[in-house]
Amino acid sequence: MELEDGALYQDDSGTSAMMSERVSGLASSIYREFERLIGKYDEDVVKELMPLVVAVLENLDAVFAENQEHEVELELLKEDNEQLVTQYEREKALRKGVEERYIEYEDLQDQERKELQSRVLLLESQSRQNELKFKNYADQIGRLEEREAELKREYNALHQRHTEMIHSYMEHLERTKMHQMGMEPAESGPMARARRAANDHFSADGNSSLKLKMAT
């Protein structure tokens, strides 16, 4: 193997390959230094050193090429990482928005639930008040019905008493008049007819009083 200005070297498979620009510049500098040493002394001075230098340069070039590959991979990884970070930030923002909307939804649900509870309590209170009113109305109706029945009984008793008193009074008048005339009372006479007329009159008057009382 020889070092030339073109910086050719031979790899393990026997094929020639170009060194990288950076290693090629270093190889050129070493080649010029070897030429100076050969011109000053002789070729034997660098004969044993030449293969070692070439091997070092080949390894250096391989390492440099591998480093470049790593740099390319690193750039790709950086790009992937930036994309992942961007995606993470976007998903984080979306999640934050969803959480905020969920919190707003929960607050709205709580407010609606409180409003519904307030309405239920109000309706229950109104229902209890209506039940009390209905109960009071039922009690009043019951008392009025009892009072009406009591008034009817009192009226019937008074009417019966009144009729009996009229009958007694008419009989008394008839007996008195017959006694004065020296006659026995007759059921078919004018006094009997007058008594019946008076009874009918007082009965009609009693019914009218009852109707008037019930209407008031």
C-alpha atoms as a PDB file:
ATOM      1  CA  MET A   1       0.000   0.000   0.000  1.00  0.00           C
ATOM      2  CA  GLU A   2       1.214   3.475  -0.824  1.00  0.00           C
ATOM      3  CA  LEU A   3       0.065   6.853   0.186  1.00  0.00           C
ATOM      4  CA  GLU A   4      -0.480   9.190  -2.724  1.00  0.00           C
ATOM      5  CA  ASP A   5      -1.847  12.693  -3.170  1.00  0.00           C
ATOM      6  CA  GLY A   6      -5.200  11.148  -4.104  1.00  0.00           C
ATOM      7  CA  ALA A   7      -5.347   9.540  -0.594  1.00  0.00           C
ATOM      8  CA  LEU A   8      -6.241   6.073  -1.847  1.00  0.00           C
ATOM      9  CA  TYR A   9      -6.117   3.120   0.498  1.00  0.00           C
ATOM     10  CA  GLN A  10      -6.985  -0.530   0.261  1.00  0.00           C
ATOM     11  CA  ASP A  11      -9.468  -2.061   2.660  1.00  0.00           C
ATOM     12  CA  ASP A  12      -9.506  -5.623   3.983  1.00  0.00           C
ATOM     13  CA  SER A  13     -11.426  -6.938   0.972  1.00  0.00           C
ATOM     14  CA  GLY A  14      -8.725  -5.676  -1.420  1.00  0.00           C
ATOM     15  CA  THR A  15     -10.851  -2.914  -2.954  1.00  0.00           C
ATOM     16  CA  SER A  16      -9.669   0.677  -3.107  1.00  0.00           C
ATOM     17  CA  ALA A  17     -11.690   3.439  -1.496  1.00  0.00           C
ATOM     18  CA  MET A  18     -11.391   7.170  -1.189  1.00  0.00           C
ATOM     19  CA  MET A  19     -10.629   8.586   2.239  1.00  0.00           C
ATOM     20  CA  SER A  20     -12.773  11.288   3.669  1.00  0.00           C
ATOM     21  CA  GLU A  21     -11.729  14.853   2.995  1.00  0.00           C
ATOM     22  CA  ARG A  22     -10.574  15.419   6.535  1.00  0.00           C
ATOM     23  CA  VAL A  23      -8.494  12.234   6.714  1.00  0.00           C
ATOM     24  CA  SER A  24      -7.234  12.806   3.161  1.00  0.00           C
ATOM     25  CA  GLY A  25      -5.793  16.192   4.181  1.00  0.00           C
ATOM     26  CA  LEU A  26      -4.052  14.587   7.162  1.00  0.00           C
ATOM     27  CA  ALA A  27      -2.709  11.816   4.939  1.00  0.00           C
ATOM     28  CA  SER A  28      -1.297  14.344   2.477  1.00  0.00           C
ATOM     29  CA  SER A  29       0.537  16.132   5.263  1.00  0.00           C
ATOM     30  CA  ILE A  30       2.014  12.824   6.497  1.00  0.00           C
ATOM     31  CA  TYR A  31       2.953  11.864   2.912  1.00  0.00           C
ATOM     32  CA  ARG A  32       4.885  15.123   2.432  1.00  0.00           C
ATOM     33  CA  GLU A  33       6.689  14.547   5.720  1.00  0.00           C
ATOM     34  CA  PHE A  34       7.601  11.022   4.584  1.00  0.00           C
ATOM     35  CA  GLU A  35       8.974  12.420   1.298  1.00  0.00           C
ATOM     36  CA  ARG A  36      11.093  14.858   3.232  1.00  0.00           C
ATOM     37  CA  LEU A  37      12.490  12.085   5.395  1.00  0.00           C
ATOM     38  CA  ILE A  38      13.165   9.843   2.358  1.00  0.00           C
ATOM     39  CA  GLY A  39      14.922  12.711   0.554  1.00  0.00           C
ATOM     40  CA  LYS A  40      17.021  13.511   3.575  1.00  0.00           C
ATOM     41  CA  TYR A  41      17.841   9.969   4.538  1.00  0.00           C
ATOM     42  CA  ASP A  42      16.581   7.056   2.474  1.00  0.00           C
ATOM     43  CA  GLU A  43      13.488   4.943   1.877  1.00  0.00           C
ATOM     44  CA  ASP A  44      14.370   2.482   4.617  1.00  0.00           C
ATOM     45  CA  VAL A  45      13.707   5.145   7.220  1.00  0.00           C
ATOM     46  CA  VAL A  46       9.939   5.041   6.595  1.00  0.00           C
ATOM     47  CA  LYS A  47       9.652   1.540   5.147  1.00  0.00           C
ATOM     48  CA  GLU A  48       8.470  -0.057   8.402  1.00  0.00           C
ATOM     49  CA  LEU A  49       6.514   3.015   9.498  1.00  0.00           C
ATOM     50  CA  MET A  50       4.506   3.356   6.294  1.00  0.00           C
ATOM     51  CA  PRO A  51       2.139   0.346   6.847  1.00  0.00           C
ATOM     52  CA  LEU A  52       1.452   1.435  10.402  1.00  0.00           C
ATOM     53  CA  VAL A  53       0.596   4.954   9.363  1.00  0.00           C
ATOM     54  CA  VAL A  54      -1.659   3.672   6.582  1.00  0.00           C
ATOM     55  CA  ALA A  55      -3.451   1.367   9.055  1.00  0.00           C
ATOM     56  CA  VAL A  56      -3.893   4.235  11.472  1.00  0.00           C
ATOM     57  CA  LEU A  57      -5.256   6.459   8.728  1.00  0.00           C
ATOM     58  CA  GLU A  58      -7.610   3.708   7.565  1.00  0.00           C
ATOM     59  CA  ASN A  59      -8.885   3.199  11.111  1.00  0.00           C
ATOM     60  CA  LEU A  60      -9.205   6.924  11.558  1.00  0.00           C
ATOM     61  CA  ASP A  61     -11.164   7.185   8.343  1.00  0.00           C
ATOM     62  CA  ALA A  62     -13.423   4.315   9.422  1.00  0.00           C
ATOM     63  CA  VAL A  63     -13.976   5.942  12.781  1.00  0.00           C
ATOM     64  CA  PHE A  64     -14.666   9.275  11.115  1.00  0.00           C
ATOM     65  CA  ALA A  65     -17.152   7.662   8.728  1.00  0.00           C
ATOM     66  CA  GLU A  66     -18.838   5.885  11.639  1.00  0.00           C
ATOM     67  CA  ASN A  67     -18.942   9.170  13.530  1.00  0.00           C
ATOM     68  CA  GLN A  68     -20.609  10.827  10.558  1.00  0.00           C
ATOM     69  CA  GLU A  69     -23.208   8.039  10.499  1.00  0.00           C
ATOM     70  CA  HIS A  70     -23.764   8.564  14.187  1.00  0.00           C
ATOM     71  CA  GLU A  71     -24.147  12.287  13.608  1.00  0.00           C
ATOM     72  CA  VAL A  72     -26.723  11.592  10.890  1.00  0.00           C
ATOM     73  CA  GLU A  73     -28.551   9.205  13.208  1.00  0.00           C
ATOM     74  CA  LEU A  74     -28.326  11.803  15.960  1.00  0.00           C
ATOM     75  CA  GLU A  75     -29.872  14.435  13.697  1.00  0.00           C
ATOM     76  CA  LEU A  76     -32.643  12.015  12.769  1.00  0.00           C
ATOM     77  CA  LEU A  77     -33.194  11.252  16.440  1.00  0.00           C
ATOM     78  CA  LYS A  78     -33.277  14.955  17.197  1.00  0.00           C
ATOM     79  CA  GLU A  79     -35.897  15.461  14.519  1.00  0.00           C
ATOM     80  CA  ASP A  80     -37.902  12.517  15.863  1.00  0.00           C
ATOM     81  CA  ASN A  81     -37.567  13.892  19.358  1.00  0.00           C
ATOM     82  CA  GLU A  82     -38.728  17.329  18.251  1.00  0.00           C
ATOM     83  CA  GLN A  83     -41.710  15.743  16.518  1.00  0.00           C
ATOM     84  CA  LEU A  84     -42.485  13.723  19.629  1.00  0.00           C
ATOM     85  CA  VAL A  85     -42.182  16.810  21.815  1.00  0.00           C
ATOM     86  CA  THR A  86     -44.446  18.737  19.440  1.00  0.00           C
ATOM     87  CA  GLN A  87     -46.965  15.900  19.425  1.00  0.00           C
ATOM     88  CA  TYR A  88     -46.750  15.630  23.219  1.00  0.00           C
ATOM     89  CA  GLU A  89     -47.355  19.360  23.650  1.00  0.00           C
ATOM     90  CA  ARG A  90     -50.289  19.202  21.225  1.00  0.00           C
ATOM     91  CA  GLU A  91     -51.799  16.206  23.021  1.00  0.00           C
ATOM     92  CA  LYS A  92     -51.130  17.895  26.349  1.00  0.00           C
ATOM     93  CA  ALA A  93     -52.968  21.018  25.170  1.00  0.00           C
ATOM     94  CA  LEU A  94     -55.839  18.890  23.855  1.00  0.00           C
ATOM     95  CA  ARG A  95     -56.035  16.985  27.135  1.00  0.00           C
ATOM     96  CA  LYS A  96     -55.995  20.233  29.078  1.00  0.00           C
ATOM     97  CA  GLY A  97     -58.827  21.554  26.915  1.00  0.00           C
ATOM     98  CA  VAL A  98     -60.811  18.351  27.446  1.00  0.00           C
ATOM     99  CA  GLU A  99     -60.243  18.530  31.202  1.00  0.00           C
ATOM    100  CA  GLU A 100     -61.349  22.176  31.276  1.00  0.00           C
ATOM    101  CA  ARG A 101     -64.497  21.345  29.292  1.00  0.00           C
ATOM    102  CA  TYR A 102     -65.155  18.390  31.605  1.00  0.00           C
ATOM    103  CA  ILE A 103     -64.803  20.655  34.648  1.00  0.00           C
ATOM    104  CA  GLU A 104     -67.193  23.162  33.047  1.00  0.00           C
ATOM    105  CA  TYR A 105     -69.608  20.318  32.303  1.00  0.00           C
ATOM    106  CA  GLU A 106     -69.415  19.115  35.917  1.00  0.00           C
ATOM    107  CA  ASP A 107     -70.012  22.662  37.188  1.00  0.00           C
ATOM    108  CA  LEU A 108     -73.007  22.989  34.869  1.00  0.00           C
ATOM    109  CA  GLN A 109     -74.357  19.628  36.020  1.00  0.00           C
ATOM    110  CA  ASP A 110     -73.910  20.624  39.669  1.00  0.00           C
ATOM    111  CA  GLN A 111     -75.743  23.904  39.057  1.00  0.00           C
ATOM    112  CA  GLU A 112     -78.602  22.149  37.253  1.00  0.00           C
ATOM    113  CA  ARG A 113     -78.752  19.512  39.993  1.00  0.00           C
ATOM    114  CA  LYS A 114     -78.983  22.226  42.659  1.00  0.00           C
ATOM    115  CA  GLU A 115     -81.705  24.013  40.699  1.00  0.00           C
ATOM    116  CA  LEU A 116     -83.656  20.768  40.333  1.00  0.00           C
ATOM    117  CA  GLN A 117     -83.285  20.045  44.046  1.00  0.00           C
ATOM    118  CA  SER A 118     -84.530  23.544  44.855  1.00  0.00           C
ATOM    119  CA  ARG A 119     -87.524  23.072  42.561  1.00  0.00           C
ATOM    120  CA  VAL A 120     -88.262  19.670  44.110  1.00  0.00           C
ATOM    121  CA  LEU A 121     -88.123  21.164  47.599  1.00  0.00           C
ATOM    122  CA  LEU A 122     -90.384  24.028  46.511  1.00  0.00           C
ATOM    123  CA  LEU A 123     -92.880  21.621  44.933  1.00  0.00           C
ATOM    124  CA  GLU A 124     -92.840  19.423  48.038  1.00  0.00           C
ATOM    125  CA  SER A 125     -93.462  22.480  50.213  1.00  0.00           C
ATOM    126  CA  GLN A 126     -96.327  23.605  47.968  1.00  0.00           C
ATOM    127  CA  SER A 127     -97.729  20.070  47.995  1.00  0.00           C
ATOM    128  CA  ARG A 128     -97.670  19.983  51.803  1.00  0.00           C
ATOM    129  CA  GLN A 129     -99.359  23.396  51.933  1.00  0.00           C
ATOM    130  CA  ASN A 130    -102.040  22.226  49.489  1.00  0.00           C
ATOM    131  CA  GLU A 131    -102.590  19.080  51.541  1.00  0.00           C
ATOM    132  CA  LEU A 132    -103.059  21.204  54.654  1.00  0.00           C
ATOM    133  CA  LYS A 133    -105.458  23.482  52.765  1.00  0.00           C
ATOM    134  CA  PHE A 134    -107.440  20.504  51.461  1.00  0.00           C
ATOM    135  CA  LYS A 135    -107.552  19.040  54.956  1.00  0.00           C
ATOM    136  CA  ASN A 136    -108.748  22.354  56.377  1.00  0.00           C
ATOM    137  CA  TYR A 137    -111.363  22.633  53.636  1.00  0.00           C
ATOM    138  CA  ALA A 138    -112.511  19.071  54.318  1.00  0.00           C
ATOM    139  CA  ASP A 139    -112.719  19.819  58.052  1.00  0.00           C
ATOM    140  CA  GLN A 140    -114.677  23.009  57.353  1.00  0.00           C
ATOM    141  CA  ILE A 141    -117.030  21.161  55.006  1.00  0.00           C
ATOM    142  CA  GLY A 142    -117.494  18.449  57.611  1.00  0.00           C
ATOM    143  CA  ARG A 143    -118.247  21.037  60.302  1.00  0.00           C
ATOM    144  CA  LEU A 144    -120.632  22.867  57.961  1.00  0.00           C
ATOM    145  CA  GLU A 145    -122.411  19.621  57.124  1.00  0.00           C
ATOM    146  CA  GLU A 146    -122.672  18.792  60.819  1.00  0.00           C
ATOM    147  CA  ARG A 147    -123.942  22.317  61.514  1.00  0.00           C
ATOM    148  CA  GLU A 148    -126.454  22.020  58.654  1.00  0.00           C
ATOM    149  CA  ALA A 149    -127.706  18.696  60.016  1.00  0.00           C
ATOM    150  CA  GLU A 150    -127.933  20.188  63.483  1.00  0.00           C
ATOM    151  CA  LEU A 151    -129.866  23.206  62.160  1.00  0.00           C
ATOM    152  CA  LYS A 152    -132.211  20.881  60.279  1.00  0.00           C
ATOM    153  CA  ARG A 153    -132.861  18.921  63.453  1.00  0.00           C
ATOM    154  CA  GLU A 154    -133.421  22.121  65.401  1.00  0.00           C
ATOM    155  CA  TYR A 155    -135.718  23.410  62.672  1.00  0.00           C
ATOM    156  CA  ASN A 156    -137.717  20.168  62.555  1.00  0.00           C
ATOM    157  CA  ALA A 157    -138.037  20.210  66.315  1.00  0.00           C
ATOM    158  CA  LEU A 158    -139.092  23.884  66.290  1.00  0.00           C
ATOM    159  CA  HIS A 159    -141.456  23.290  63.402  1.00  0.00           C
ATOM    160  CA  GLN A 160    -143.041  20.361  65.173  1.00  0.00           C
ATOM    161  CA  ARG A 161    -143.270  22.357  68.355  1.00  0.00           C
ATOM    162  CA  HIS A 162    -144.743  25.296  66.485  1.00  0.00           C
ATOM    163  CA  THR A 163    -147.329  23.078  64.789  1.00  0.00           C
ATOM    164  CA  GLU A 164    -148.276  21.490  68.065  1.00  0.00           C
ATOM    165  CA  MET A 165    -148.667  24.910  69.660  1.00  0.00           C
ATOM    166  CA  ILE A 166    -150.862  26.094  66.757  1.00  0.00           C
ATOM    167  CA  HIS A 167    -152.982  22.968  67.010  1.00  0.00           C
ATOM    168  CA  SER A 168    -153.343  23.445  70.741  1.00  0.00           C
ATOM    169  CA  TYR A 169    -154.164  27.104  70.285  1.00  0.00           C
ATOM    170  CA  MET A 170    -156.757  26.427  67.575  1.00  0.00           C
ATOM    171  CA  GLU A 171    -158.323  23.647  69.625  1.00  0.00           C
ATOM    172  CA  HIS A 172    -158.376  25.974  72.592  1.00  0.00           C
ATOM    173  CA  LEU A 173    -160.064  28.670  70.545  1.00  0.00           C
ATOM    174  CA  GLU A 174    -162.572  26.207  69.161  1.00  0.00           C
ATOM    175  CA  ARG A 175    -163.385  24.763  72.548  1.00  0.00           C
ATOM    176  CA  THR A 176    -163.726  28.231  74.016  1.00  0.00           C
ATOM    177  CA  LYS A 177    -165.997  29.414  71.246  1.00  0.00           C
ATOM    178  CA  MET A 178    -168.085  26.237  71.317  1.00  0.00           C
ATOM    179  CA  HIS A 179    -168.317  26.511  75.040  1.00  0.00           C
ATOM    180  CA  GLN A 180    -169.531  30.053  74.733  1.00  0.00           C
ATOM    181  CA  MET A 181    -172.092  28.970  72.128  1.00  0.00           C
ATOM    182  CA  GLY A 182    -173.075  25.888  74.164  1.00  0.00           C
ATOM    183  CA  MET A 183    -172.114  23.560  71.285  1.00  0.00           C
ATOM    184  CA  GLU A 184    -169.879  20.557  70.982  1.00  0.00           C
ATOM    185  CA  PRO A 185    -166.954  20.869  68.611  1.00  0.00           C
ATOM    186  CA  ALA A 186    -167.557  19.231  65.237  1.00  0.00           C
ATOM    187  CA  GLU A 187    -164.819  18.213  62.913  1.00  0.00           C
ATOM    188  CA  SER A 188    -166.836  19.145  59.857  1.00  0.00           C
ATOM    189  CA  GLY A 189    -167.920  22.559  61.018  1.00  0.00           C
ATOM    190  CA  PRO A 190    -166.529  25.973  60.101  1.00  0.00           C
ATOM    191  CA  MET A 191    -164.132  25.957  63.053  1.00  0.00           C
ATOM    192  CA  ALA A 192    -162.555  22.707  61.866  1.00  0.00           C
ATOM    193  CA  ARG A 193    -162.087  24.177  58.423  1.00  0.00           C
ATOM    194  CA  ALA A 194    -160.589  27.315  59.930  1.00  0.00           C
ATOM    195  CA  ARG A 195    -158.201  25.238  62.032  1.00  0.00           C
ATOM    196  CA  ARG A 196    -157.050  23.276  59.010  1.00  0.00           C
ATOM    197  CA  ALA A 197    -156.540  26.495  57.040  1.00  0.00           C
ATOM    198  CA  ALA A 198    -154.513  27.933  59.905  1.00  0.00           C
ATOM    199  CA  ASN A 199    -152.395  24.788  60.082  1.00  0.00           C
ATOM    200  CA  ASP A 200    -151.763  24.941  56.338  1.00  0.00           C
ATOM    201  CA  HIS A 201    -150.860  28.621  56.658  1.00  0.00           C
ATOM    202  CA  PHE A 202    -148.411  28.036  59.479  1.00  0.00           C
ATOM    203  CA  SER A 203    -146.892  25.027  57.693  1.00  0.00           C
ATOM    204  CA  ALA A 204    -146.294  27.096  54.561  1.00  0.00           C
ATOM    205  CA  ASP A 205    -144.893  29.926  56.661  1.00  0.00           C
ATOM    206  CA  GLY A 206    -142.561  27.488  58.451  1.00  0.00           C
ATOM    207  CA  ASN A 207    -141.302  26.062  55.156  1.00  0.00           C
ATOM    208  CA  SER A 208    -140.634  29.574  53.864  1.00  0.00           C
ATOM    209  CA  SER A 209    -138.687  30.391  57.041  1.00  0.00           C
ATOM    210  CA  LEU A 210    -136.646  27.224  56.655  1.00  0.00           C
ATOM    211  CA  LYS A 211    -135.837  28.029  53.035  1.00  0.00           C
ATOM    212  CA  LEU A 212    -134.860  31.565  53.991  1.00  0.00           C
ATOM    213  CA  LYS A 213    -132.631  30.342  56.833  1.00  0.00           C
ATOM    214  CA  MET A 214    -130.911  27.773  54.620  1.00  0.00           C
ATOM    215  CA  ALA A 215    -130.344  30.334  51.888  1.00  0.00           C
ATOM    216  CA  THR A 216    -128.628  32.668  54.390  1.00  0.00           C
END
